[in-house]
């Protein structure tokens, strides 16, 4: 019986290993007892970690490393809060202890209602609350992008779920809770991020995620030269999108997630590779091109 129970637990292993931090540094604007936010941390972590988000089975070492940081800046009434949410997801690089950041998104349009000990009720096909809907959206977004790093356009199903959740948000909710519609002032909102990610025009960006991670980073242990060549191929795909639309939020978010990592990859490359890389990065990440001079040991 014990063996059977262990098998069942293994089969039901969830996809996310999510750590949550909630803070409200300005006590003059947020009067709620801090222990309520500790309860909220636990509630969100349990919701993200215990729910089965896909139809796949994940081993513990395969789980997506997810970090959620919620900064509360204001309070309305007893249970209404305004702030920001930062979502960071990472995936392990094969044959190493290194985890590569694949999503680092800061969402400043976070308004939610929470009463201590209330459960998080979620239905991907129905808007129950902004808290649960945003958590569900970011779970599917993180899973979809993670899948894209392991196979070519592999996250389509889960990215589509994230986009479907955007479509569920009605006009009334969209007027109350920003970030779900095309007409919001913030062009880096949820609506535009997932819309651009699934737009065929920008498909090279998603293809780059697979080439860069699975064919690039994952090969460093066995063949560093091949790995750097494939990272370069991934950057070439990113460059296609950057040339098409240099102000695309996808490119900005990618740069914020990957800049230090890419510098590390090419710091040990031969001079000829560095030269080719520096020419390429001016196209792939033109806004921050000068920062990559660090591969030559130069300061900003």
C-alpha atoms as a PDB file:
ATOM      1  CA  UNK A   1       0.000   0.000   0.000  1.00  0.00           C
ATOM      2  CA  UNK A   2       2.828   2.377   0.860  1.00  0.00           C
ATOM      3  CA  UNK A   3       4.478   1.683  -2.508  1.00  0.00           C
ATOM      4  CA  UNK A   4       1.212   2.332  -4.313  1.00  0.00           C
ATOM      5  CA  UNK A   5       0.762   5.614  -2.414  1.00  0.00           C
ATOM      6  CA  UNK A   6       4.275   6.698  -3.405  1.00  0.00           C
ATOM      7  CA  UNK A   7       3.516   5.908  -7.049  1.00  0.00           C
ATOM      8  CA  UNK A   8       0.283   7.884  -6.953  1.00  0.00           C
ATOM      9  CA  UNK A   9       2.026  10.865  -5.380  1.00  0.00           C
ATOM     10  CA  UNK A  10       4.682  10.706  -8.082  1.00  0.00           C
ATOM     11  CA  UNK A  11       2.075  10.604 -10.844  1.00  0.00           C
ATOM     12  CA  UNK A  12       0.378  13.649  -9.394  1.00  0.00           C
ATOM     13  CA  UNK A  13       3.550  15.694  -9.041  1.00  0.00           C
ATOM     14  CA  UNK A  14       2.815  19.303  -9.855  1.00  0.00           C
ATOM     15  CA  UNK A  15       4.725  21.532 -12.241  1.00  0.00           C
ATOM     16  CA  UNK A  16       5.715  24.529 -10.141  1.00  0.00           C
ATOM     17  CA  UNK A  17       8.023  25.114  -7.229  1.00  0.00           C
ATOM     18  CA  UNK A  18       6.849  28.594  -6.310  1.00  0.00           C
ATOM     19  CA  UNK A  19       8.222  30.823  -3.574  1.00  0.00           C
ATOM     20  CA  UNK A  20       6.242  33.926  -2.629  1.00  0.00           C
ATOM     21  CA  UNK A  21       7.198  37.147  -0.879  1.00  0.00           C
ATOM     22  CA  UNK A  22       4.674  39.839   0.044  1.00  0.00           C
ATOM     23  CA  UNK A  23       5.852  43.130   1.513  1.00  0.00           C
ATOM     24  CA  UNK A  24       4.298  46.471   2.403  1.00  0.00           C
ATOM     25  CA  UNK A  25       7.170  48.739   3.431  1.00  0.00           C
ATOM     26  CA  UNK A  26       5.165  51.948   3.939  1.00  0.00           C
ATOM     27  CA  UNK A  27       3.155  51.511   7.141  1.00  0.00           C
ATOM     28  CA  UNK A  28       1.606  54.965   6.694  1.00  0.00           C
ATOM     29  CA  UNK A  29      -0.248  53.737   3.587  1.00  0.00           C
ATOM     30  CA  UNK A  30      -0.801  50.083   4.455  1.00  0.00           C
ATOM     31  CA  UNK A  31      -2.184  49.537   7.930  1.00  0.00           C
ATOM     32  CA  UNK A  32      -2.910  45.801   7.730  1.00  0.00           C
ATOM     33  CA  UNK A  33      -1.174  43.592  10.294  1.00  0.00           C
ATOM     34  CA  UNK A  34       1.960  42.116   8.609  1.00  0.00           C
ATOM     35  CA  UNK A  35       0.917  38.611   9.663  1.00  0.00           C
ATOM     36  CA  UNK A  36      -1.924  38.844   7.142  1.00  0.00           C
ATOM     37  CA  UNK A  37       0.654  39.133   4.374  1.00  0.00           C
ATOM     38  CA  UNK A  38       2.482  36.082   5.722  1.00  0.00           C
ATOM     39  CA  UNK A  39      -0.799  34.200   5.457  1.00  0.00           C
ATOM     40  CA  UNK A  40      -1.189  35.526   1.922  1.00  0.00           C
ATOM     41  CA  UNK A  41       2.303  34.288   1.017  1.00  0.00           C
ATOM     42  CA  UNK A  42       1.411  30.788   2.185  1.00  0.00           C
ATOM     43  CA  UNK A  43      -1.986  30.863   0.477  1.00  0.00           C
ATOM     44  CA  UNK A  44      -0.501  31.869  -2.885  1.00  0.00           C
ATOM     45  CA  UNK A  45       2.337  29.344  -2.629  1.00  0.00           C
ATOM     46  CA  UNK A  46      -0.092  26.527  -1.836  1.00  0.00           C
ATOM     47  CA  UNK A  47      -2.351  27.587  -4.709  1.00  0.00           C
ATOM     48  CA  UNK A  48       0.483  27.712  -7.241  1.00  0.00           C
ATOM     49  CA  UNK A  49       2.272  24.570  -6.042  1.00  0.00           C
ATOM     50  CA  UNK A  50      -0.655  22.264  -5.297  1.00  0.00           C
ATOM     51  CA  UNK A  51      -2.743  22.880  -8.398  1.00  0.00           C
ATOM     52  CA  UNK A  52      -2.190  20.635 -11.442  1.00  0.00           C
ATOM     53  CA  UNK A  53      -1.703  23.090 -14.323  1.00  0.00           C
ATOM     54  CA  UNK A  54      -0.899  20.657 -17.127  1.00  0.00           C
ATOM     55  CA  UNK A  55      -1.596  17.057 -18.136  1.00  0.00           C
ATOM     56  CA  UNK A  56       2.110  16.192 -17.798  1.00  0.00           C
ATOM     57  CA  UNK A  57       3.951  14.473 -14.954  1.00  0.00           C
ATOM     58  CA  UNK A  58       6.906  16.374 -13.469  1.00  0.00           C
ATOM     59  CA  UNK A  59       9.716  14.955 -11.377  1.00  0.00           C
ATOM     60  CA  UNK A  60      10.946  17.198  -8.572  1.00  0.00           C
ATOM     61  CA  UNK A  61      14.082  18.127 -10.510  1.00  0.00           C
ATOM     62  CA  UNK A  62      11.950  19.094 -13.517  1.00  0.00           C
ATOM     63  CA  UNK A  63       9.754  21.569 -11.663  1.00  0.00           C
ATOM     64  CA  UNK A  64       9.726  25.155 -12.858  1.00  0.00           C
ATOM     65  CA  UNK A  65      11.442  27.410 -10.336  1.00  0.00           C
ATOM     66  CA  UNK A  66       9.034  30.313  -9.861  1.00  0.00           C
ATOM     67  CA  UNK A  67       9.463  33.355  -7.634  1.00  0.00           C
ATOM     68  CA  UNK A  68       6.673  35.832  -7.001  1.00  0.00           C
ATOM     69  CA  UNK A  69       7.339  39.157  -5.304  1.00  0.00           C
ATOM     70  CA  UNK A  70       4.353  41.314  -4.385  1.00  0.00           C
ATOM     71  CA  UNK A  71       4.990  44.864  -3.232  1.00  0.00           C
ATOM     72  CA  UNK A  72       1.935  46.544  -1.731  1.00  0.00           C
ATOM     73  CA  UNK A  73       1.978  50.331  -1.944  1.00  0.00           C
ATOM     74  CA  UNK A  74      -1.549  51.330  -0.928  1.00  0.00           C
ATOM     75  CA  UNK A  75      -4.668  50.081   0.778  1.00  0.00           C
ATOM     76  CA  UNK A  76      -8.351  50.764   0.146  1.00  0.00           C
ATOM     77  CA  UNK A  77     -10.762  49.824   2.892  1.00  0.00           C
ATOM     78  CA  UNK A  78      -9.963  46.792   5.000  1.00  0.00           C
ATOM     79  CA  UNK A  79      -9.151  44.279   2.259  1.00  0.00           C
ATOM     80  CA  UNK A  80      -8.300  46.159  -0.945  1.00  0.00           C
ATOM     81  CA  UNK A  81      -4.677  46.550  -2.044  1.00  0.00           C
ATOM     82  CA  UNK A  82      -2.676  48.197  -4.802  1.00  0.00           C
ATOM     83  CA  UNK A  83       0.891  47.396  -5.759  1.00  0.00           C
ATOM     84  CA  UNK A  84       3.095  45.472  -8.147  1.00  0.00           C
ATOM     85  CA  UNK A  85       3.861  41.841  -8.829  1.00  0.00           C
ATOM     86  CA  UNK A  86       7.167  40.534 -10.176  1.00  0.00           C
ATOM     87  CA  UNK A  87       7.230  37.025 -11.642  1.00  0.00           C
ATOM     88  CA  UNK A  88      10.553  35.285 -12.258  1.00  0.00           C
ATOM     89  CA  UNK A  89      10.819  31.774 -13.675  1.00  0.00           C
ATOM     90  CA  UNK A  90      13.959  29.713 -14.151  1.00  0.00           C
ATOM     91  CA  UNK A  91      14.881  26.394 -15.709  1.00  0.00           C
ATOM     92  CA  UNK A  92      17.930  24.240 -14.963  1.00  0.00           C
ATOM     93  CA  UNK A  93      20.773  24.014 -17.466  1.00  0.00           C
ATOM     94  CA  UNK A  94      21.727  20.404 -18.206  1.00  0.00           C
ATOM     95  CA  UNK A  95      24.763  18.975 -16.406  1.00  0.00           C
ATOM     96  CA  UNK A  96      25.178  22.043 -14.204  1.00  0.00           C
ATOM     97  CA  UNK A  97      23.920  23.638 -11.011  1.00  0.00           C
ATOM     98  CA  UNK A  98      23.009  26.806 -12.921  1.00  0.00           C
ATOM     99  CA  UNK A  99      19.404  27.943 -13.380  1.00  0.00           C
ATOM    100  CA  UNK A 100      18.694  30.196 -16.359  1.00  0.00           C
ATOM    101  CA  UNK A 101      16.075  32.939 -16.041  1.00  0.00           C
ATOM    102  CA  UNK A 102      13.496  32.587 -18.814  1.00  0.00           C
ATOM    103  CA  UNK A 103      10.918  35.111 -17.586  1.00  0.00           C
ATOM    104  CA  UNK A 104      11.383  38.221 -15.487  1.00  0.00           C
ATOM    105  CA  UNK A 105       8.246  40.315 -15.674  1.00  0.00           C
ATOM    106  CA  UNK A 106       7.324  43.306 -13.537  1.00  0.00           C
ATOM    107  CA  UNK A 107       3.617  44.085 -13.543  1.00  0.00           C
ATOM    108  CA  UNK A 108       2.743  47.415 -11.942  1.00  0.00           C
ATOM    109  CA  UNK A 109      -1.013  47.078 -12.539  1.00  0.00           C
ATOM    110  CA  UNK A 110      -1.855  44.919  -9.548  1.00  0.00           C
ATOM    111  CA  UNK A 111      -5.039  45.643  -7.621  1.00  0.00           C
ATOM    112  CA  UNK A 112      -6.646  42.896  -5.574  1.00  0.00           C
ATOM    113  CA  UNK A 113      -8.912  42.065  -2.649  1.00  0.00           C
ATOM    114  CA  UNK A 114      -7.815  39.650   0.042  1.00  0.00           C
ATOM    115  CA  UNK A 115      -9.249  38.768   3.440  1.00  0.00           C
ATOM    116  CA  UNK A 116      -7.036  36.651   5.677  1.00  0.00           C
ATOM    117  CA  UNK A 117      -7.657  32.896   5.402  1.00  0.00           C
ATOM    118  CA  UNK A 118      -9.943  33.255   2.390  1.00  0.00           C
ATOM    119  CA  UNK A 119      -9.156  30.559  -0.211  1.00  0.00           C
ATOM    120  CA  UNK A 120      -8.108  31.492  -3.735  1.00  0.00           C
ATOM    121  CA  UNK A 121     -10.954  30.426  -6.022  1.00  0.00           C
ATOM    122  CA  UNK A 122      -9.887  29.905  -9.603  1.00  0.00           C
ATOM    123  CA  UNK A 123     -11.568  29.056 -12.884  1.00  0.00           C
ATOM    124  CA  UNK A 124      -9.615  29.713 -16.077  1.00  0.00           C
ATOM    125  CA  UNK A 125     -12.875  30.125 -17.979  1.00  0.00           C
ATOM    126  CA  UNK A 126     -14.437  32.603 -15.560  1.00  0.00           C
ATOM    127  CA  UNK A 127     -13.227  35.758 -13.842  1.00  0.00           C
ATOM    128  CA  UNK A 128     -13.553  35.153 -10.092  1.00  0.00           C
ATOM    129  CA  UNK A 129     -11.071  37.690  -8.765  1.00  0.00           C
ATOM    130  CA  UNK A 130      -8.141  39.699 -10.044  1.00  0.00           C
ATOM    131  CA  UNK A 131      -5.831  37.910  -7.617  1.00  0.00           C
ATOM    132  CA  UNK A 132      -6.668  34.402  -8.814  1.00  0.00           C
ATOM    133  CA  UNK A 133      -6.894  35.412 -12.480  1.00  0.00           C
ATOM    134  CA  UNK A 134      -3.470  37.046 -12.451  1.00  0.00           C
ATOM    135  CA  UNK A 135      -1.895  34.093 -10.659  1.00  0.00           C
ATOM    136  CA  UNK A 136      -3.428  31.711 -13.181  1.00  0.00           C
ATOM    137  CA  UNK A 137      -2.301  33.867 -16.101  1.00  0.00           C
ATOM    138  CA  UNK A 138       1.304  33.960 -14.875  1.00  0.00           C
ATOM    139  CA  UNK A 139       1.302  30.225 -14.106  1.00  0.00           C
ATOM    140  CA  UNK A 140       0.330  29.397 -17.684  1.00  0.00           C
ATOM    141  CA  UNK A 141       2.690  32.045 -19.081  1.00  0.00           C
ATOM    142  CA  UNK A 142       5.641  30.655 -17.112  1.00  0.00           C
ATOM    143  CA  UNK A 143       4.801  27.075 -18.071  1.00  0.00           C
ATOM    144  CA  UNK A 144       4.351  27.970 -21.738  1.00  0.00           C
ATOM    145  CA  UNK A 145       7.641  29.833 -21.981  1.00  0.00           C
ATOM    146  CA  UNK A 146       9.406  27.028 -20.115  1.00  0.00           C
ATOM    147  CA  UNK A 147       8.065  24.470 -22.602  1.00  0.00           C
ATOM    148  CA  UNK A 148       9.288  26.685 -25.448  1.00  0.00           C
ATOM    149  CA  UNK A 149      12.839  26.284 -24.130  1.00  0.00           C
ATOM    150  CA  UNK A 150      12.672  22.484 -24.416  1.00  0.00           C
ATOM    151  CA  UNK A 151      11.032  22.070 -27.831  1.00  0.00           C
ATOM    152  CA  UNK A 152      10.334  24.270 -30.834  1.00  0.00           C
ATOM    153  CA  UNK A 153       7.144  26.239 -30.025  1.00  0.00           C
ATOM    154  CA  UNK A 154       6.455  23.586 -27.384  1.00  0.00           C
ATOM    155  CA  UNK A 155       4.522  25.888 -25.068  1.00  0.00           C
ATOM    156  CA  UNK A 156       1.744  26.749 -27.519  1.00  0.00           C
ATOM    157  CA  UNK A 157      -1.010  25.005 -25.564  1.00  0.00           C
ATOM    158  CA  UNK A 158      -0.263  26.792 -22.308  1.00  0.00           C
ATOM    159  CA  UNK A 159       0.463  30.178 -23.832  1.00  0.00           C
ATOM    160  CA  UNK A 160      -2.915  29.878 -25.545  1.00  0.00           C
ATOM    161  CA  UNK A 161      -4.477  29.222 -22.148  1.00  0.00           C
ATOM    162  CA  UNK A 162      -2.894  32.438 -20.870  1.00  0.00           C
ATOM    163  CA  UNK A 163      -4.294  34.347 -23.847  1.00  0.00           C
ATOM    164  CA  UNK A 164      -7.712  32.766 -23.335  1.00  0.00           C
ATOM    165  CA  UNK A 165      -7.669  34.014 -19.753  1.00  0.00           C
ATOM    166  CA  UNK A 166      -7.079  37.548 -21.027  1.00  0.00           C
ATOM    167  CA  UNK A 167     -10.114  37.173 -23.274  1.00  0.00           C
ATOM    168  CA  UNK A 168     -12.263  36.080 -20.307  1.00  0.00           C
ATOM    169  CA  UNK A 169     -11.847  39.440 -18.564  1.00  0.00           C
ATOM    170  CA  UNK A 170     -15.001  41.451 -19.240  1.00  0.00           C
ATOM    171  CA  UNK A 171     -15.301  45.176 -19.819  1.00  0.00           C
ATOM    172  CA  UNK A 172     -16.447  45.894 -16.260  1.00  0.00           C
ATOM    173  CA  UNK A 173     -13.501  44.034 -14.755  1.00  0.00           C
ATOM    174  CA  UNK A 174     -11.065  45.573 -17.256  1.00  0.00           C
ATOM    175  CA  UNK A 175     -12.161  49.056 -16.232  1.00  0.00           C
ATOM    176  CA  UNK A 176     -11.574  48.170 -12.588  1.00  0.00           C
ATOM    177  CA  UNK A 177      -8.436  46.069 -13.000  1.00  0.00           C
ATOM    178  CA  UNK A 178      -5.876  47.399 -15.454  1.00  0.00           C
ATOM    179  CA  UNK A 179      -3.542  45.360 -17.614  1.00  0.00           C
ATOM    180  CA  UNK A 180      -6.037  43.113 -19.379  1.00  0.00           C
ATOM    181  CA  UNK A 181      -6.970  45.212 -22.418  1.00  0.00           C
ATOM    182  CA  UNK A 182      -5.324  46.735 -25.484  1.00  0.00           C
ATOM    183  CA  UNK A 183      -6.419  50.257 -24.577  1.00  0.00           C
ATOM    184  CA  UNK A 184      -4.567  50.387 -21.246  1.00  0.00           C
ATOM    185  CA  UNK A 185      -1.842  53.015 -21.173  1.00  0.00           C
ATOM    186  CA  UNK A 186       0.811  50.506 -20.104  1.00  0.00           C
ATOM    187  CA  UNK A 187       2.146  48.932 -23.304  1.00  0.00           C
ATOM    188  CA  UNK A 188       3.978  46.282 -21.283  1.00  0.00           C
ATOM    189  CA  UNK A 189       0.778  44.903 -19.833  1.00  0.00           C
ATOM    190  CA  UNK A 190      -0.518  41.330 -19.824  1.00  0.00           C
ATOM    191  CA  UNK A 191      -2.668  41.817 -22.911  1.00  0.00           C
ATOM    192  CA  UNK A 192       0.139  43.022 -25.140  1.00  0.00           C
ATOM    193  CA  UNK A 193       2.760  40.643 -23.791  1.00  0.00           C
ATOM    194  CA  UNK A 194       0.793  37.477 -24.567  1.00  0.00           C
ATOM    195  CA  UNK A 195      -0.620  38.945 -27.798  1.00  0.00           C
ATOM    196  CA  UNK A 196       2.867  39.675 -29.116  1.00  0.00           C
ATOM    197  CA  UNK A 197       4.198  36.331 -27.897  1.00  0.00           C
ATOM    198  CA  UNK A 198       1.567  34.444 -29.922  1.00  0.00           C
ATOM    199  CA  UNK A 199       1.724  36.724 -32.965  1.00  0.00           C
ATOM    200  CA  UNK A 200       3.189  34.827 -35.931  1.00  0.00           C
ATOM    201  CA  UNK A 201       5.050  37.975 -36.917  1.00  0.00           C
ATOM    202  CA  UNK A 202       7.236  37.579 -33.846  1.00  0.00           C
ATOM    203  CA  UNK A 203       7.547  33.790 -33.951  1.00  0.00           C
ATOM    204  CA  UNK A 204      11.364  33.944 -34.311  1.00  0.00           C
ATOM    205  CA  UNK A 205      11.454  35.133 -30.691  1.00  0.00           C
ATOM    206  CA  UNK A 206       9.841  31.904 -29.503  1.00  0.00           C
ATOM    207  CA  UNK A 207      12.069  29.827 -31.764  1.00  0.00           C
ATOM    208  CA  UNK A 208      15.029  31.607 -30.199  1.00  0.00           C
ATOM    209  CA  UNK A 209      13.985  30.364 -26.763  1.00  0.00           C
ATOM    210  CA  UNK A 210      14.478  26.752 -27.886  1.00  0.00           C
ATOM    211  CA  UNK A 211      17.681  27.308 -29.854  1.00  0.00           C
ATOM    212  CA  UNK A 212      19.255  29.450 -27.129  1.00  0.00           C
ATOM    213  CA  UNK A 213      18.421  27.149 -24.201  1.00  0.00           C
ATOM    214  CA  UNK A 214      18.084  23.557 -25.421  1.00  0.00           C
ATOM    215  CA  UNK A 215      20.600  23.674 -28.270  1.00  0.00           C
ATOM    216  CA  UNK A 216      22.803  26.312 -26.677  1.00  0.00           C
ATOM    217  CA  UNK A 217      23.092  26.448 -22.888  1.00  0.00           C
ATOM    218  CA  UNK A 218      22.303  22.764 -22.380  1.00  0.00           C
ATOM    219  CA  UNK A 219      25.345  21.788 -24.466  1.00  0.00           C
ATOM    220  CA  UNK A 220      27.970  23.752 -22.552  1.00  0.00           C
ATOM    221  CA  UNK A 221      29.140  20.789 -20.486  1.00  0.00           C
ATOM    222  CA  UNK A 222      29.803  18.609 -23.548  1.00  0.00           C
ATOM    223  CA  UNK A 223      30.783  21.133 -26.204  1.00  0.00           C
ATOM    224  CA  UNK A 224      31.246  24.820 -25.254  1.00  0.00           C
ATOM    225  CA  UNK A 225      32.049  25.832 -28.830  1.00  0.00           C
ATOM    226  CA  UNK A 226      28.842  24.278 -30.192  1.00  0.00           C
ATOM    227  CA  UNK A 227      26.892  25.764 -27.290  1.00  0.00           C
ATOM    228  CA  UNK A 228      28.095  29.303 -28.034  1.00  0.00           C
ATOM    229  CA  UNK A 229      27.384  28.824 -31.737  1.00  0.00           C
ATOM    230  CA  UNK A 230      23.810  27.840 -30.944  1.00  0.00           C
ATOM    231  CA  UNK A 231      23.389  30.700 -28.468  1.00  0.00           C
ATOM    232  CA  UNK A 232      24.499  32.935 -31.340  1.00  0.00           C
ATOM    233  CA  UNK A 233      21.876  31.337 -33.599  1.00  0.00           C
ATOM    234  CA  UNK A 234      19.256  32.065 -30.968  1.00  0.00           C
ATOM    235  CA  UNK A 235      20.389  35.684 -30.806  1.00  0.00           C
ATOM    236  CA  UNK A 236      20.069  35.894 -34.586  1.00  0.00           C
ATOM    237  CA  UNK A 237      16.384  34.968 -34.235  1.00  0.00           C
ATOM    238  CA  UNK A 238      15.939  37.612 -31.554  1.00  0.00           C
ATOM    239  CA  UNK A 239      17.642  40.115 -33.854  1.00  0.00           C
ATOM    240  CA  UNK A 240      15.024  39.458 -36.548  1.00  0.00           C
ATOM    241  CA  UNK A 241      12.287  40.526 -34.174  1.00  0.00           C
ATOM    242  CA  UNK A 242      14.280  43.469 -32.800  1.00  0.00           C
ATOM    243  CA  UNK A 243      14.854  44.773 -36.307  1.00  0.00           C
ATOM    244  CA  UNK A 244      11.155  44.417 -37.066  1.00  0.00           C
ATOM    245  CA  UNK A 245      10.046  46.192 -33.870  1.00  0.00           C
ATOM    246  CA  UNK A 246      12.881  47.468 -31.618  1.00  0.00           C
ATOM    247  CA  UNK A 247      10.442  48.804 -29.000  1.00  0.00           C
ATOM    248  CA  UNK A 248       8.648  45.498 -28.554  1.00  0.00           C
ATOM    249  CA  UNK A 249       8.136  44.722 -24.833  1.00  0.00           C
ATOM    250  CA  UNK A 250       9.174  41.114 -25.518  1.00  0.00           C
ATOM    251  CA  UNK A 251      12.647  42.303 -26.473  1.00  0.00           C
ATOM    252  CA  UNK A 252      12.883  44.615 -23.483  1.00  0.00           C
ATOM    253  CA  UNK A 253      11.839  41.866 -21.064  1.00  0.00           C
ATOM    254  CA  UNK A 254      14.216  39.394 -22.710  1.00  0.00           C
ATOM    255  CA  UNK A 255      17.121  41.835 -22.388  1.00  0.00           C
ATOM    256  CA  UNK A 256      16.401  42.419 -18.706  1.00  0.00           C
ATOM    257  CA  UNK A 257      16.370  38.655 -18.111  1.00  0.00           C
ATOM    258  CA  UNK A 258      19.333  37.619 -20.248  1.00  0.00           C
ATOM    259  CA  UNK A 259      21.874  40.427 -20.419  1.00  0.00           C
ATOM    260  CA  UNK A 260      24.176  39.287 -17.588  1.00  0.00           C
ATOM    261  CA  UNK A 261      23.899  35.663 -18.646  1.00  0.00           C
ATOM    262  CA  UNK A 262      24.885  36.418 -22.242  1.00  0.00           C
ATOM    263  CA  UNK A 263      27.854  38.450 -21.054  1.00  0.00           C
ATOM    264  CA  UNK A 264      28.944  35.436 -19.035  1.00  0.00           C
ATOM    265  CA  UNK A 265      28.568  33.106 -22.031  1.00  0.00           C
ATOM    266  CA  UNK A 266      30.807  35.164 -24.302  1.00  0.00           C
ATOM    267  CA  UNK A 267      33.334  36.424 -21.765  1.00  0.00           C
ATOM    268  CA  UNK A 268      35.339  33.209 -22.240  1.00  0.00           C
ATOM    269  CA  UNK A 269      34.937  33.082 -26.037  1.00  0.00           C
ATOM    270  CA  UNK A 270      37.868  33.525 -28.454  1.00  0.00           C
ATOM    271  CA  UNK A 271      38.378  37.050 -29.762  1.00  0.00           C
ATOM    272  CA  UNK A 272      36.939  36.220 -33.187  1.00  0.00           C
ATOM    273  CA  UNK A 273      33.708  34.986 -31.604  1.00  0.00           C
ATOM    274  CA  UNK A 274      33.527  38.057 -29.396  1.00  0.00           C
ATOM    275  CA  UNK A 275      33.801  40.309 -32.448  1.00  0.00           C
ATOM    276  CA  UNK A 276      30.989  38.506 -34.264  1.00  0.00           C
ATOM    277  CA  UNK A 277      28.872  38.515 -31.116  1.00  0.00           C
ATOM    278  CA  UNK A 278      29.290  42.261 -30.489  1.00  0.00           C
ATOM    279  CA  UNK A 279      28.213  42.982 -34.057  1.00  0.00           C
ATOM    280  CA  UNK A 280      25.146  40.784 -33.653  1.00  0.00           C
ATOM    281  CA  UNK A 281      24.069  42.103 -30.262  1.00  0.00           C
ATOM    282  CA  UNK A 282      23.877  45.638 -31.661  1.00  0.00           C
ATOM    283  CA  UNK A 283      20.970  44.350 -33.722  1.00  0.00           C
ATOM    284  CA  UNK A 284      19.406  42.032 -31.143  1.00  0.00           C
ATOM    285  CA  UNK A 285      19.588  44.477 -28.218  1.00  0.00           C
ATOM    286  CA  UNK A 286      20.517  47.886 -29.650  1.00  0.00           C
ATOM    287  CA  UNK A 287      19.385  49.885 -26.605  1.00  0.00           C
ATOM    288  CA  UNK A 288      21.854  48.082 -24.338  1.00  0.00           C
ATOM    289  CA  UNK A 289      24.524  47.235 -26.917  1.00  0.00           C
ATOM    290  CA  UNK A 290      27.300  49.090 -25.096  1.00  0.00           C
ATOM    291  CA  UNK A 291      26.718  47.048 -21.919  1.00  0.00           C
ATOM    292  CA  UNK A 292      27.936  43.911 -23.686  1.00  0.00           C
ATOM    293  CA  UNK A 293      31.424  45.409 -23.996  1.00  0.00           C
ATOM    294  CA  UNK A 294      31.883  43.836 -20.569  1.00  0.00           C
ATOM    295  CA  UNK A 295      32.857  40.611 -22.331  1.00  0.00           C
ATOM    296  CA  UNK A 296      36.202  42.321 -22.957  1.00  0.00           C
ATOM    297  CA  UNK A 297      36.576  43.246 -19.307  1.00  0.00           C
ATOM    298  CA  UNK A 298      35.460  46.832 -19.910  1.00  0.00           C
ATOM    299  CA  UNK A 299      33.378  48.841 -17.509  1.00  0.00           C
ATOM    300  CA  UNK A 300      30.121  50.500 -18.435  1.00  0.00           C
END
